[in-house]
Amino acid sequence: MAAKEEEVRGAAKTASHPPVQTEDELELVKRFVLLGIVMRILDHDIRVIGTSAIKLPRFYESMLRGMQDRVLLDLAAIRREFRAGGIKVYEEKRESDGLHAGYVCRGYHHRFFMLWGFVKAESERVLKQYLSG
C-alpha cells in the first residue's frame, strides 16, 4: 500500500511541474532566427548584384535566388513544427552586442542571446550548406 501511495504522490509531483523545453525545441528556434538572418543577407546580396558591374550578374543572382528558395522552404517546415509544438517567436531585437530573441514554448516564455560573431559564423556555415547541397 505504501508503494502505491508513493507512486501516486510521484505522479502528482511531475504533473505539477511545468513542461521543460527540450534541447531540440531550443535548437529549432535558434535555427528559425538564424534562417531569418540568412534571408536578409541573401536579399541584400541580390540587391547589390543588381547594381554592380560584374560580368555575370544574372548567373549569380539565380544562384542566390535558388538558395533563397531553399531557405524559404526550410522556414515553412520550421513554422509547421512550431504550430505542432506550440512554439511562437514574438521578439527579435538587434543590439550592438548581438541578437536577443523571445519566444513562447508550450505556454512558457523563454529568451536567448547570440553574439554577432556567432551569428556571422553560423550564417556562413548555413549558406555553405545550401550552396553544397
Protein backbone atom coordinates (compact mmCIF):
# COMPACT_ATOMS: atom_id res chain seq x y z
CA MET A 1 0.00 0.00 0.00
CA ALA A 2 2.83 2.43 0.84
CA ALA A 3 4.44 1.81 -2.57
CA LYS A 4 1.15 2.58 -4.31
CA GLU A 5 0.74 5.79 -2.29
CA GLU A 6 4.33 6.87 -3.13
CA GLU A 7 3.65 6.20 -6.84
CA VAL A 8 0.56 8.43 -6.75
CA ARG A 9 2.49 11.21 -4.99
CA GLY A 10 5.31 10.94 -7.57
CA ALA A 11 2.83 11.22 -10.44
CA ALA A 12 1.24 14.27 -8.84
CA LYS A 13 4.67 15.89 -8.43
CA THR A 14 5.59 15.52 -12.08
CA ALA A 15 2.18 16.74 -13.20
CA SER A 16 2.53 19.97 -11.17
CA HIS A 17 5.89 20.91 -12.72
CA PRO A 18 5.81 22.93 -15.93
CA PRO A 19 6.89 21.07 -19.06
CA VAL A 20 10.58 21.53 -19.70
CA GLN A 21 11.67 22.87 -23.04
CA THR A 22 13.73 20.30 -24.89
CA GLU A 23 17.12 20.97 -26.44
CA ASP A 24 15.61 20.18 -29.86
CA GLU A 25 12.99 22.89 -29.40
CA LEU A 26 15.64 25.45 -28.47
CA GLU A 27 17.75 24.47 -31.49
CA LEU A 28 14.69 24.75 -33.74
CA VAL A 29 14.00 28.29 -32.50
CA LYS A 30 17.66 29.27 -32.96
CA ARG A 31 17.65 27.83 -36.48
CA PHE A 32 14.47 29.77 -37.29
CA VAL A 33 16.00 33.05 -36.12
CA LEU A 34 19.26 32.29 -37.93
CA LEU A 35 17.45 31.49 -41.19
CA GLY A 36 15.71 34.85 -40.91
CA ILE A 37 19.14 36.50 -40.80
CA VAL A 38 20.28 34.38 -43.77
CA MET A 39 17.24 35.60 -45.74
CA ARG A 40 18.19 39.23 -45.02
CA ILE A 41 21.77 38.53 -46.13
CA LEU A 42 20.56 36.95 -49.38
CA ASP A 43 18.13 39.84 -50.03
CA HIS A 44 20.96 42.33 -49.54
CA ASP A 45 23.38 40.45 -51.77
CA ILE A 46 20.79 40.07 -54.54
CA ARG A 47 20.19 43.83 -54.48
CA VAL A 48 23.96 44.50 -54.56
CA ILE A 49 24.47 42.17 -57.52
CA GLY A 50 21.75 44.01 -59.42
CA THR A 51 23.63 47.30 -59.09
CA SER A 52 27.19 46.03 -59.54
CA ALA A 53 29.29 45.84 -62.69
CA ILE A 54 30.14 42.13 -62.53
CA LYS A 55 30.28 40.13 -65.75
CA LEU A 56 27.59 37.52 -64.96
CA PRO A 57 25.02 39.20 -62.72
CA ARG A 58 22.07 37.00 -63.80
CA PHE A 59 24.06 33.84 -63.06
CA TYR A 60 25.00 34.93 -59.53
CA GLU A 61 21.53 36.28 -58.85
CA SER A 62 19.94 32.99 -59.93
CA MET A 63 22.27 31.07 -57.61
CA LEU A 64 21.37 33.31 -54.68
CA ARG A 65 17.64 33.10 -55.51
CA GLY A 66 17.89 29.31 -55.59
CA MET A 67 19.45 29.32 -52.13
CA GLN A 68 16.77 31.76 -51.01
CA ASP A 69 14.02 29.40 -52.22
CA ARG A 70 15.51 26.54 -50.22
CA VAL A 71 15.76 28.73 -47.10
CA LEU A 72 12.09 29.69 -47.52
CA LEU A 73 11.11 26.02 -47.75
CA ASP A 74 13.04 25.27 -44.56
CA LEU A 75 11.42 28.22 -42.79
CA ALA A 76 7.99 26.94 -43.80
CA ALA A 77 8.82 23.48 -42.43
CA ILE A 78 10.00 25.01 -39.14
CA ARG A 79 6.78 27.06 -38.90
CA ARG A 80 4.78 23.83 -39.27
CA GLU A 81 6.82 22.29 -36.45
CA PHE A 82 6.22 25.43 -34.38
CA ARG A 83 2.45 25.10 -34.81
CA ALA A 84 2.57 21.42 -33.87
CA GLY A 85 4.74 22.09 -30.82
CA GLY A 86 3.08 25.26 -29.54
CA ILE A 87 6.09 27.50 -30.25
CA LYS A 88 5.97 31.14 -31.30
CA VAL A 89 8.84 33.60 -31.72
CA TYR A 90 7.44 37.01 -30.76
CA GLU A 91 10.54 39.18 -30.49
CA GLU A 92 13.87 39.67 -32.19
CA LYS A 93 15.97 42.61 -31.03
CA ARG A 94 19.18 43.60 -32.75
CA GLU A 95 21.55 45.35 -30.42
CA SER A 96 25.18 46.40 -30.69
CA ASP A 97 26.47 43.24 -28.98
CA GLY A 98 24.18 40.68 -30.58
CA LEU A 99 20.69 39.41 -31.22
CA HIS A 100 18.12 38.87 -28.46
CA ALA A 101 15.05 36.73 -29.12
CA GLY A 102 11.96 35.99 -27.09
CA TYR A 103 9.59 33.11 -27.72
CA VAL A 104 6.84 31.03 -26.18
CA CYS A 105 7.13 27.26 -25.94
CA ARG A 106 4.13 25.35 -24.60
CA GLY A 107 2.83 28.46 -22.85
CA TYR A 108 6.12 29.40 -21.15
CA HIS A 109 8.21 32.40 -22.17
CA HIS A 110 11.91 31.95 -22.94
CA ARG A 111 14.73 34.17 -24.19
CA PHE A 112 18.12 33.61 -25.74
CA PHE A 113 21.00 35.71 -26.98
CA MET A 114 23.53 35.21 -29.80
CA LEU A 115 26.66 37.33 -30.22
CA TRP A 116 27.13 38.87 -33.67
CA GLY A 117 30.34 36.91 -34.18
CA PHE A 118 28.42 33.67 -33.64
CA VAL A 119 25.57 34.83 -35.90
CA LYS A 120 28.02 35.67 -38.68
CA ALA A 121 29.90 32.38 -38.40
CA GLU A 122 26.69 30.33 -38.28
CA SER A 123 25.19 32.27 -41.20
CA GLU A 124 28.25 31.49 -43.30
CA ARG A 125 28.09 27.83 -42.29
CA VAL A 126 24.39 27.62 -43.22
CA LEU A 127 24.96 29.35 -46.56
CA LYS A 128 27.79 26.92 -47.37
CA GLN A 129 25.44 24.01 -46.61
CA TYR A 130 22.84 25.40 -49.02
CA LEU A 131 25.48 26.03 -51.65
CA SER A 132 26.91 22.50 -51.45
CA GLY A 133 23.61 20.67 -51.06
